Amino acid sequence: MLEIFPIYITPFKQERLIRVYLPKNYNMENKRYPVLYMHDGQNVFRDKDAIGGKSLRLEDYLDKTEMKVIVVGIDQNSEERKNEYCPWVSGEYSEKILGYSSSEGGKGTEYIDFIVNELKPYIDNKYLTLNDRTAMAGISLGGLISAFAACRYPHVFKRVAAISSAFYRNQEELEKLIVRSDLSAIEGFYLDCGTREASGEELISKEFVASNNSIYEILREKILNTKFDMINDAEHNYSFFKKRVPKIISFLVPVE
């Protein structure tokens, strides 16, 4: 069951759609559920809502498997996505990969603070949640902002998944943040990356892999349960992302 409603984002002074998946029998069970927050909410649950017409189809998967989890998808603002999902303005590593400098980014802190200080309390009050079992996942820039959230609020987001992450946009600053962060409260961190993220652009694909591997090497020293999957020939699109859903969800919501 999917509930969709607007919520006001105070720092950005605008409304944004929130999509909440509730597990089967939610209204008939007297129990509480772990919560997974996901970025790019339009692309999480249904193809008909997705940008480009392909989603993770997570609603179908969760219904089929009867997973006991509440999933909160936060819609993106397509015009502001790079700004909101990047905590810092793009650095030199980004310029190396893209071939040009960019002034985009810098609103990621406000975005994550909104999730923790406004959206999460609203969700915890409205639904039967387990307040201390909260996870986060994101794709591409959504992976970058999820890693940032783990560092900023490691006591909130106990499990994190960063899928085909565009860490390179903020590579230098993110690496420094992870090094100085106390991540001992985090129970697990999952990363993956395809070997053909940039499709025909072989050099960019290699840099993409190198970027992800560099973040993994730092994280594995901080979090014992850190997993990194290198996926042969996988490209940067939802046809490939969707195939990883079972592995990602089982990592984020382990069966007790």
Protein backbone atom coordinates (compact mmCIF):
# COMPACT_ATOMS: atom_id res chain seq x y z
CA MET A 1 0.00 0.00 0.00
CA LEU A 2 1.36 3.39 -1.02
CA GLU A 3 0.36 6.68 0.59
CA ILE A 4 1.37 9.88 -1.23
CA PHE A 5 1.16 13.36 0.27
CA PRO A 6 2.96 16.74 0.15
CA ILE A 7 5.11 18.02 2.97
CA TYR A 8 6.65 21.45 3.41
CA ILE A 9 10.45 21.60 3.36
CA THR A 10 11.25 24.54 5.61
CA PRO A 11 14.83 25.30 4.47
CA PHE A 12 13.80 25.32 0.80
CA LYS A 13 10.42 26.99 1.39
CA GLN A 14 8.55 24.59 -0.87
CA GLU A 15 6.33 21.52 -0.80
CA ARG A 16 7.59 18.12 -1.93
CA LEU A 17 5.75 14.84 -2.45
CA ILE A 18 6.47 12.04 0.00
CA ARG A 19 5.64 8.43 -0.93
CA VAL A 20 5.22 6.00 1.96
CA TYR A 21 5.06 2.24 1.45
CA LEU A 22 3.22 0.34 4.18
CA PRO A 23 3.67 -3.44 4.41
CA LYS A 24 0.90 -5.94 3.88
CA ASN A 25 -1.41 -6.30 6.88
CA TYR A 26 -0.13 -3.01 8.30
CA ASN A 27 -3.61 -2.04 9.47
CA MET A 28 -4.28 -5.48 10.93
CA GLU A 29 -1.10 -6.03 12.92
CA ASN A 30 -0.31 -4.48 16.26
CA LYS A 31 3.40 -4.09 15.64
CA ARG A 32 6.01 -1.52 14.72
CA TYR A 33 8.31 -1.54 11.71
CA PRO A 34 11.81 -0.44 10.72
CA VAL A 35 11.92 2.51 8.31
CA LEU A 36 13.97 2.99 5.16
CA TYR A 37 14.35 6.50 3.71
CA MET A 38 15.11 6.73 -0.01
CA HIS A 39 15.92 9.64 -2.32
CA ASP A 40 14.56 10.19 -5.86
CA GLY A 41 11.16 9.10 -4.57
CA GLN A 42 9.46 9.18 -7.99
CA ASN A 43 11.77 6.39 -9.14
CA VAL A 44 11.39 4.06 -6.17
CA PHE A 45 8.01 2.36 -6.37
CA ARG A 46 6.15 2.50 -9.70
CA ASP A 47 7.20 2.81 -13.35
CA LYS A 48 4.31 5.12 -14.18
CA ASP A 49 5.62 7.74 -11.73
CA ALA A 50 9.29 7.37 -12.61
CA ILE A 51 11.37 9.88 -14.52
CA GLY A 52 12.19 8.06 -17.72
CA GLY A 53 9.46 5.47 -17.16
CA LYS A 54 11.56 2.91 -15.22
CA SER A 55 11.65 2.57 -11.46
CA LEU A 56 13.01 0.11 -8.91
CA ARG A 57 9.45 -1.29 -8.70
CA LEU A 58 10.03 -1.61 -5.00
CA GLU A 59 6.32 -1.75 -4.19
CA ASP A 60 5.93 -4.95 -6.22
CA TYR A 61 9.02 -6.52 -4.65
CA LEU A 62 8.00 -5.74 -1.08
CA ASP A 63 4.45 -6.95 -1.63
CA LYS A 64 5.71 -10.19 -3.14
CA THR A 65 8.23 -10.88 -0.40
CA GLU A 66 5.99 -9.50 2.38
CA MET A 67 8.91 -7.64 3.90
CA LYS A 68 8.09 -6.00 7.21
CA VAL A 69 9.39 -2.50 6.50
CA ILE A 70 8.06 1.01 5.95
CA VAL A 71 9.77 2.81 3.05
CA VAL A 72 9.69 6.60 2.72
CA GLY A 73 10.50 7.95 -0.73
CA ILE A 74 11.30 11.66 -0.96
CA ASP A 75 10.64 13.08 -4.42
CA GLN A 76 13.46 14.94 -6.09
CA ASN A 77 13.29 18.49 -7.38
CA SER A 78 14.82 17.94 -10.82
CA GLU A 79 16.06 21.53 -11.06
CA GLU A 80 17.70 21.41 -7.63
CA ARG A 81 18.73 17.75 -7.42
CA LYS A 82 22.48 18.35 -7.79
CA ASN A 83 22.36 21.17 -5.27
CA GLU A 84 20.34 19.22 -2.70
CA TYR A 85 22.16 15.91 -3.05
CA CYS A 86 25.65 17.46 -2.89
CA PRO A 87 26.71 18.84 0.49
CA TRP A 88 29.55 20.82 -1.10
CA VAL A 89 30.18 22.56 -4.39
CA SER A 90 31.85 20.24 -6.89
CA GLY A 91 35.62 19.90 -6.45
CA GLU A 92 38.69 19.18 -8.56
CA TYR A 93 38.03 15.45 -8.85
CA SER A 94 34.62 16.21 -10.29
CA GLU A 95 36.19 18.55 -12.81
CA LYS A 96 38.66 15.82 -13.79
CA ILE A 97 35.85 13.35 -14.55
CA LEU A 98 33.35 15.74 -16.12
CA GLY A 99 35.88 17.79 -18.02
CA TYR A 100 34.51 21.09 -16.71
CA SER A 101 34.15 22.95 -13.44
CA SER A 102 30.77 23.30 -11.76
CA SER A 103 29.39 25.55 -9.06
CA GLU A 104 26.47 23.21 -8.34
CA GLY A 105 25.98 21.73 -4.89
CA GLY A 106 26.04 23.01 -1.34
CA LYS A 107 22.48 22.40 -0.09
CA GLY A 108 22.94 18.82 1.11
CA THR A 109 23.25 19.70 4.77
CA GLU A 110 19.92 21.53 4.77
CA TYR A 111 18.28 18.62 2.93
CA ILE A 112 19.50 15.98 5.39
CA ASP A 113 18.69 18.18 8.38
CA PHE A 114 15.14 18.47 7.05
CA ILE A 115 14.84 14.66 6.87
CA VAL A 116 16.10 14.17 10.43
CA ASN A 117 14.52 17.16 12.16
CA GLU A 118 11.22 17.52 10.29
CA LEU A 119 10.33 14.51 8.15
CA LYS A 120 11.42 11.72 10.49
CA PRO A 121 9.49 13.07 13.51
CA TYR A 122 6.43 13.44 11.27
CA ILE A 123 6.75 9.85 10.00
CA ASP A 124 7.39 8.47 13.50
CA ASN A 125 4.29 10.24 14.80
CA LYS A 126 2.03 9.25 11.89
CA TYR A 127 3.06 5.61 11.47
CA LEU A 128 3.95 2.57 13.60
CA THR A 129 7.71 2.89 13.33
CA LEU A 130 10.62 1.49 15.28
CA ASN A 131 12.29 4.78 16.07
CA ASP A 132 15.74 3.26 16.55
CA ARG A 133 15.73 1.14 13.38
CA THR A 134 16.17 3.65 10.58
CA ALA A 135 18.06 3.11 7.33
CA MET A 136 18.80 5.19 4.24
CA ALA A 137 19.52 4.35 0.60
CA GLY A 138 20.17 6.28 -2.57
CA ILE A 139 21.34 5.91 -6.15
CA SER A 140 24.04 7.99 -7.88
CA LEU A 141 23.97 11.40 -6.18
CA GLY A 142 21.49 9.78 -3.80
CA GLY A 143 24.34 7.51 -2.73
CA LEU A 144 26.56 10.52 -2.09
CA ILE A 145 23.99 12.24 0.10
CA SER A 146 23.28 8.96 1.94
CA ALA A 147 26.97 8.60 2.82
CA PHE A 148 26.95 12.19 4.04
CA ALA A 149 23.85 11.50 6.16
CA ALA A 150 25.60 8.51 7.73
CA CYS A 151 28.47 10.77 8.81
CA ARG A 152 26.25 13.62 10.01
CA TYR A 153 23.73 11.39 11.83
CA PRO A 154 25.38 8.00 12.50
CA HIS A 155 23.16 7.52 15.57
CA VAL A 156 20.04 7.84 13.35
CA PHE A 157 20.84 5.92 10.16
CA LYS A 158 22.08 2.55 11.39
CA ARG A 159 22.25 0.93 7.94
CA VAL A 160 23.05 2.68 4.67
CA ALA A 161 23.18 1.69 0.99
CA ALA A 162 24.94 3.76 -1.66
CA ILE A 163 24.17 2.41 -5.14
CA SER A 164 26.30 3.34 -8.18
CA SER A 165 27.24 6.45 -6.25
CA ALA A 166 28.43 9.68 -7.85
CA PHE A 167 30.83 10.32 -4.97
CA TYR A 168 33.17 12.05 -7.40
CA ARG A 169 31.11 15.25 -7.23
CA ASN A 170 32.30 15.81 -3.65
CA GLN A 171 35.11 13.24 -3.45
CA GLU A 172 37.67 15.27 -1.54
CA GLU A 173 35.35 16.66 1.10
CA LEU A 174 33.46 13.38 1.60
CA GLU A 175 36.67 11.42 2.15
CA LYS A 176 37.83 13.93 4.77
CA LEU A 177 34.43 13.82 6.49
CA ILE A 178 34.39 10.02 6.69
CA VAL A 179 37.91 9.95 8.14
CA ARG A 180 37.04 12.34 10.97
CA SER A 181 33.55 10.92 11.72
CA ASP A 182 32.72 8.50 14.52
CA LEU A 183 30.77 5.81 12.66
CA SER A 184 30.85 3.20 15.43
CA ALA A 185 27.05 3.30 15.81
CA ILE A 186 26.46 2.22 12.21
CA GLU A 187 25.58 -1.46 11.85
CA GLY A 188 26.22 -1.83 8.13
CA PHE A 189 27.15 0.03 4.97
CA TYR A 190 26.54 -1.38 1.48
CA LEU A 191 28.13 0.03 -1.67
CA ASP A 192 28.08 -1.17 -5.24
CA CYS A 193 29.32 0.03 -8.60
CA GLY A 194 29.10 -1.19 -12.18
CA THR A 195 32.16 -1.55 -14.37
CA ARG A 196 30.41 0.30 -17.23
CA GLU A 197 28.70 3.13 -15.36
CA ALA A 198 29.41 5.61 -18.16
CA SER A 199 28.50 3.06 -20.84
CA GLY A 200 30.76 3.78 -23.84
CA GLU A 201 33.03 6.20 -21.93
CA GLU A 202 35.63 3.71 -20.70
CA LEU A 203 37.91 6.23 -18.98
CA ILE A 204 35.02 7.81 -17.08
CA SER A 205 33.76 4.36 -16.05
CA LYS A 206 37.20 3.53 -14.63
CA GLU A 207 37.29 6.78 -12.68
CA PHE A 208 33.79 6.05 -11.38
CA VAL A 209 34.99 2.69 -10.07
CA ALA A 210 38.11 4.26 -8.57
CA SER A 211 35.99 6.89 -6.82
CA ASN A 212 33.72 4.26 -5.24
CA ASN A 213 36.61 2.02 -4.27
CA SER A 214 38.37 4.91 -2.54
CA ILE A 215 35.29 5.61 -0.39
CA TYR A 216 34.96 1.89 0.38
CA GLU A 217 38.57 1.62 1.55
CA ILE A 218 38.00 4.41 4.05
CA LEU A 219 34.63 3.10 5.23
CA ARG A 220 35.86 -0.45 5.81
CA GLU A 221 38.33 0.89 8.37
CA LYS A 222 35.49 2.59 10.24
CA ILE A 223 32.59 0.12 9.92
CA LEU A 224 33.19 -3.62 10.29
CA ASN A 225 30.14 -4.61 8.27
CA THR A 226 30.96 -2.76 5.05
CA LYS A 227 30.18 -4.50 1.74
CA PHE A 228 31.30 -3.43 -1.72
CA ASP A 229 29.99 -5.19 -4.82
CA MET A 230 31.67 -4.59 -8.16
CA ILE A 231 29.11 -5.56 -10.79
CA ASN A 232 30.55 -6.61 -14.12
CA ASP A 233 29.17 -4.74 -17.16
CA ALA A 234 26.49 -2.94 -15.12
CA GLU A 235 25.58 0.50 -16.47
CA HIS A 236 24.16 3.62 -14.81
CA ASN A 237 20.43 3.12 -15.37
CA TYR A 238 17.38 1.64 -13.68
CA SER A 239 17.38 -1.56 -15.71
CA PHE A 240 20.57 -2.43 -13.85
CA PHE A 241 19.71 -0.80 -10.51
CA LYS A 242 16.50 -2.81 -10.23
CA LYS A 243 18.36 -6.12 -10.41
CA ARG A 244 20.14 -5.31 -7.15
CA VAL A 245 16.98 -4.65 -5.13
CA PRO A 246 16.81 -8.07 -3.37
CA LYS A 247 20.43 -7.87 -2.21
CA ILE A 248 20.12 -4.25 -1.09
CA ILE A 249 16.87 -4.68 0.83
CA SER A 250 18.06 -7.83 2.58
CA PHE A 251 21.15 -5.92 3.73
CA LEU A 252 19.20 -2.90 4.94
CA VAL A 253 16.37 -4.86 6.59
CA PRO A 254 17.87 -8.10 7.91
CA VAL A 255 15.35 -10.73 9.00
CA GLU A 256 15.36 -11.12 12.75
